[in-house]
Amino acid sequence: MMDNLGRNQTFRTIDRKPIYWRDKQDSVHACEGSNVHPGVRLIWTLCQRDVPANAAYKCDGDDVTCATCKQAVAE
């Protein structure tokens, strides 16, 4: 469950867990998303890569390995 968000607001967690994506090179990226229309959610990485549909997941212990995403999370 996410906090109540207004239109055009982004989120980085779902159920208080960070959103991650593992790419084909096995790098783990931190993600951000937005509900753009009822039933339509877009997710992208903090290093500005589009995440394929249904590929992002709630983190349960993975570490971000993408250097750009790591830096963005630390800021």
C-alpha atoms as a PDB file:
ATOM      1  CA  MET A   1       0.000   0.000   0.000  1.00  0.00           C
ATOM      2  CA  MET A   2       1.323   3.414  -0.915  1.00  0.00           C
ATOM      3  CA  ASP A   3       0.707   6.673   0.849  1.00  0.00           C
ATOM      4  CA  ASN A   4      -2.113   8.730  -0.617  1.00  0.00           C
ATOM      5  CA  LEU A   5      -0.602  10.393  -3.649  1.00  0.00           C
ATOM      6  CA  GLY A   6      -1.961  13.255  -5.672  1.00  0.00           C
ATOM      7  CA  ARG A   7      -1.839  13.424  -9.444  1.00  0.00           C
ATOM      8  CA  ASN A   8       1.615  13.347 -11.010  1.00  0.00           C
ATOM      9  CA  GLN A   9       3.385  12.418  -7.780  1.00  0.00           C
ATOM     10  CA  THR A  10       6.053   9.744  -7.799  1.00  0.00           C
ATOM     11  CA  PHE A  11       6.889   7.022  -5.312  1.00  0.00           C
ATOM     12  CA  ARG A  12       9.932   4.899  -4.500  1.00  0.00           C
ATOM     13  CA  THR A  13       8.323   2.411  -2.117  1.00  0.00           C
ATOM     14  CA  ILE A  14       5.369   0.054  -2.044  1.00  0.00           C
ATOM     15  CA  ASP A  15       4.256  -1.344   1.298  1.00  0.00           C
ATOM     16  CA  ARG A  16       7.192   0.634   2.783  1.00  0.00           C
ATOM     17  CA  LYS A  17       9.689  -1.450   0.780  1.00  0.00           C
ATOM     18  CA  PRO A  18      11.926   0.039  -1.919  1.00  0.00           C
ATOM     19  CA  ILE A  19      11.181  -0.797  -5.552  1.00  0.00           C
ATOM     20  CA  TYR A  20      14.019  -2.526  -7.422  1.00  0.00           C
ATOM     21  CA  TRP A  21      14.630  -4.003 -10.867  1.00  0.00           C
ATOM     22  CA  ARG A  22      17.286  -6.512 -11.930  1.00  0.00           C
ATOM     23  CA  ASP A  23      18.422  -6.044 -15.541  1.00  0.00           C
ATOM     24  CA  LYS A  24      19.740  -8.675 -17.989  1.00  0.00           C
ATOM     25  CA  GLN A  25      23.315  -7.985 -16.852  1.00  0.00           C
ATOM     26  CA  ASP A  26      22.234  -8.863 -13.280  1.00  0.00           C
ATOM     27  CA  SER A  27      22.591  -5.269 -12.026  1.00  0.00           C
ATOM     28  CA  VAL A  28      20.067  -4.254  -9.380  1.00  0.00           C
ATOM     29  CA  HIS A  29      18.576  -0.778  -9.847  1.00  0.00           C
ATOM     30  CA  ALA A  30      16.578   1.427  -7.476  1.00  0.00           C
ATOM     31  CA  CYS A  31      13.289   2.536  -9.027  1.00  0.00           C
ATOM     32  CA  GLU A  32      10.689   5.248  -8.936  1.00  0.00           C
ATOM     33  CA  GLY A  33       7.163   5.114 -10.291  1.00  0.00           C
ATOM     34  CA  SER A  34       3.961   6.960 -10.940  1.00  0.00           C
ATOM     35  CA  ASN A  35       0.331   5.992 -11.338  1.00  0.00           C
ATOM     36  CA  VAL A  36      -0.385   7.763 -14.617  1.00  0.00           C
ATOM     37  CA  HIS A  37      -3.951   6.531 -15.131  1.00  0.00           C
ATOM     38  CA  PRO A  38      -6.256   4.242 -13.145  1.00  0.00           C
ATOM     39  CA  GLY A  39      -4.696   0.800 -13.475  1.00  0.00           C
ATOM     40  CA  VAL A  40      -1.594   2.104 -15.302  1.00  0.00           C
ATOM     41  CA  ARG A  41       1.665   2.430 -13.385  1.00  0.00           C
ATOM     42  CA  LEU A  42       4.985   3.413 -14.961  1.00  0.00           C
ATOM     43  CA  ILE A  43       8.258   2.432 -13.297  1.00  0.00           C
ATOM     44  CA  TRP A  44      11.761   3.647 -14.178  1.00  0.00           C
ATOM     45  CA  THR A  45      15.175   3.414 -12.589  1.00  0.00           C
ATOM     46  CA  LEU A  46      16.916   6.257 -10.815  1.00  0.00           C
ATOM     47  CA  CYS A  47      19.506   6.073 -13.619  1.00  0.00           C
ATOM     48  CA  GLN A  48      16.654   6.870 -16.059  1.00  0.00           C
ATOM     49  CA  ARG A  49      16.084   3.448 -17.663  1.00  0.00           C
ATOM     50  CA  ASP A  50      12.548   2.295 -18.403  1.00  0.00           C
ATOM     51  CA  VAL A  51      11.548  -0.817 -16.476  1.00  0.00           C
ATOM     52  CA  PRO A  52       9.598  -3.430 -18.462  1.00  0.00           C
ATOM     53  CA  ALA A  53       6.020  -4.101 -17.392  1.00  0.00           C
ATOM     54  CA  ASN A  54       5.757  -6.319 -14.303  1.00  0.00           C
ATOM     55  CA  ALA A  55       9.548  -6.559 -13.917  1.00  0.00           C
ATOM     56  CA  ALA A  56      10.012  -4.340 -10.839  1.00  0.00           C
ATOM     57  CA  TYR A  57       9.778  -5.892  -7.383  1.00  0.00           C
ATOM     58  CA  LYS A  58       9.613  -4.876  -3.730  1.00  0.00           C
ATOM     59  CA  CYS A  59      13.033  -5.307  -2.156  1.00  0.00           C
ATOM     60  CA  ASP A  60      13.443  -8.055   0.389  1.00  0.00           C
ATOM     61  CA  GLY A  61      17.166  -7.842   1.050  1.00  0.00           C
ATOM     62  CA  ASP A  62      18.835  -7.167  -2.308  1.00  0.00           C
ATOM     63  CA  ASP A  63      21.431  -4.406  -2.523  1.00  0.00           C
ATOM     64  CA  VAL A  64      21.457  -1.832  -5.300  1.00  0.00           C
ATOM     65  CA  THR A  65      24.474  -2.559  -7.501  1.00  0.00           C
ATOM     66  CA  CYS A  66      24.044   0.159 -10.155  1.00  0.00           C
ATOM     67  CA  ALA A  67      26.490   2.941  -9.238  1.00  0.00           C
ATOM     68  CA  THR A  68      24.233   5.730 -10.537  1.00  0.00           C
ATOM     69  CA  CYS A  69      21.212   4.413  -8.633  1.00  0.00           C
ATOM     70  CA  LYS A  70      23.306   3.987  -5.468  1.00  0.00           C
ATOM     71  CA  GLN A  71      24.369   7.619  -5.681  1.00  0.00           C
ATOM     72  CA  ALA A  72      20.778   8.798  -6.275  1.00  0.00           C
ATOM     73  CA  VAL A  73      19.518   6.828  -3.252  1.00  0.00           C
ATOM     74  CA  ALA A  74      22.236   8.331  -1.057  1.00  0.00           C
ATOM     75  CA  GLU A  75      21.305  11.925  -1.947  1.00  0.00           C
END
